[in-house]
Amino acid sequence: MKEKTDRVWMWRRGALIAAGIVVLLSIGFVRGPDDDVFFKINKSIDVFGRVYKEIAANYVDQVDPEKFMMAGIGGMLGALDPYTVYIGGQEGDEVELITNGTYGGIGVTIGVRDGAVRVVSVMDGYSAQRAGLLPGDKFLKIDDVPVDLKNAEQVRSMTRGEPGAEVRVLIEREGESKPLEFVLIRQEITVKNVTFAGYVEPGVGYVRLERFSRQAGEEVRQAIKELKVKGELESLILDVRGNPGGLLDAAVDVVSLFVPRGSLVVSTRGRKAEAEKKYMSDEEPLLPKTPLVLLADRASASASEIVAGALQDLDRAVIVGTRTFGKGLVQTILPLNFGAQLKVTTARYYTPSGRCIQEIDYGDRGGENVLAAKPDSLKKEFRTADGRPVYEHGGITPDSMVTPAEIGPMVRNLNRTALFFRFVAKYVARHKGEDTSDVSEAMVEEFRQFLAEEKFEFREDTELKLKEMEESAASLHYGREVLDDLSRLQSALKSEKSRAFDRYRDHIRRGLRAELMARLGGERGRIEASLKEDPQLAASVGLLHSSRAFDAKLGRQKPGAR
């Protein structure tokens, strides 16, 4: 017993000595500003750990330690930018998808449509397509687990897993009296960066780039080579509209296909010296002088903006569309314990002219913790290689501003409520064996009847404004004459609204065609249908057809140019 007591005493004595050494070392190192930071970090960790333990052990109600810890992590990261996030071990496949463009799955896109989790699209060549899953199929069970109360993210994770593993899927399909069961084999799914490549006109090539995983540069390279094989590639449109970004290195690879070897593409600077890097193009360009247009919009972010900024600053392409998102921050993924990871912002990136296009300064929240963009009057001017003025912050401003077509509130609501998707699924099921590749007048009228059956309603913008006017007039005690006039206007608007289907008939036809093409030709079919009446694409083609207009956008004129 005495021997055991002596061991305990010696252990405690050793622990006290070790603690004393740590304290002495800490005191000894608290001299400079960096050391003061480390002291504060250690102190804060100690306080945080104590609070966590006391609450988890003594709070009046039972506390789930893991959820409590996640709440603490969420609170800390919430004080930073929205791109610094904790990634749990079960979310590792999302990191793999971002970096390598691969994951284990069955080859479907899943989404919520008509109050149920359904197949939105089926990828070519994978298990789901070979087994016969179709867009519109409603998930009932996955491996005997009901999914009616699950959200789309949970269902998506249930279909994913190790390649080679079996998964059983029970679905409900329009036109089938009983549920259908499919036995699928998970495969390594490779998500394409380039989702469409082709000629939009003789000599004018088009490449749609939707993400920047590791293979983005190689996929663009292959797309260009295939275009050269199919025809005479006189000019090219690179489309990054809606592209949220991805890997910085992939963006550099894409730019390197178009600019001289050794060109500065992007540089990064951060708090630590190792964050300061310059990224140069390290290969001979595939298209060194071919006229190039880059299509961008408000949803083009991060790596998309690196490409847009480099091509603009080097005067290599005309940027067409609308202003980009404005994300000029670089993230690094750091491994944690238990398979978790931390994606943390470690640097800002700068275009070749030296500008940072980050719109929001998350470190400056103002006195009321409000984030705000820097006003145009305070934005510093920079110059492209040929001397054109460009500006920092607020994303990339296009050289040719072209807004997308306005589709109107009725069509926006039809898209939001997935009524195009739902109708086409029912229509194809009812017309099985018939040619449903085109949108006939009969189909449009059938859609009109479908909307009536669904009791589809929407509100025009003018309705909302008129309602505000009526409420304001009533509260300000306007005379009866004014109120009567507003009431008559309300009746006139109601009458005009009844003609909305005919007013939006062309837009409705386009929506139906896109959904039909998606069922027949997958995502490629949807894209091909959308390009036929795309004002931003049309403006790009027109620009490429006029060398005078193209050169003017780049600040240079050629004598005798047409």
Foldseek 3Di string as FASTA:
>chain_A
DVVVVVVVVVVVVVVVVVVVVVVVVLVVQPDDPVSVVVVVVVVVVVVVVVVLVCCCPPPPDHDDSVVVVVVVVCVVCVLFDPQWDKFDLLRVQVVCCQAAVKFWFFAFDWADAPLFIWTQFGDPPGFCVVQPHFGPWGWQDKQNHGCSVPHRVVVRSSRTDDFQDKMKTWTDAFLDPDIDIDITTIHIDHHDQWPDWDAPDAQEIETEGAEQYPCLLVVVVVSVVVRVVVHHNQAYEYEHELRQYGDLVSLLSNLLQEAAFFAFQKFKDFDDPVRTDTRTNHDGHVHHQRAYEYEYEQNRHDSSLSNVLQCLQQLRYFYEEFFYNADFWDWDWAADPPNMIITDTGIGMAGSQGATAHFWDSVPLDPVRHIDGDDPVPWDWTAGPVGDIFTHYRGGGGLHYDYWDDLFFVVVVCVVNVVLSVLLSNVCSVVPPDDPLACDPVNLVVSVVVCVVVVDDTDGPVNVVLVVVLVVCVVVVHDPVVNVVSVVVVVVVVVVVVCVCVVSVVVVRLSNNLSSLCRVPNPNRNVVSVVVDIVRVVVVVVCSVFPQNRVVSSVDGDPPGD
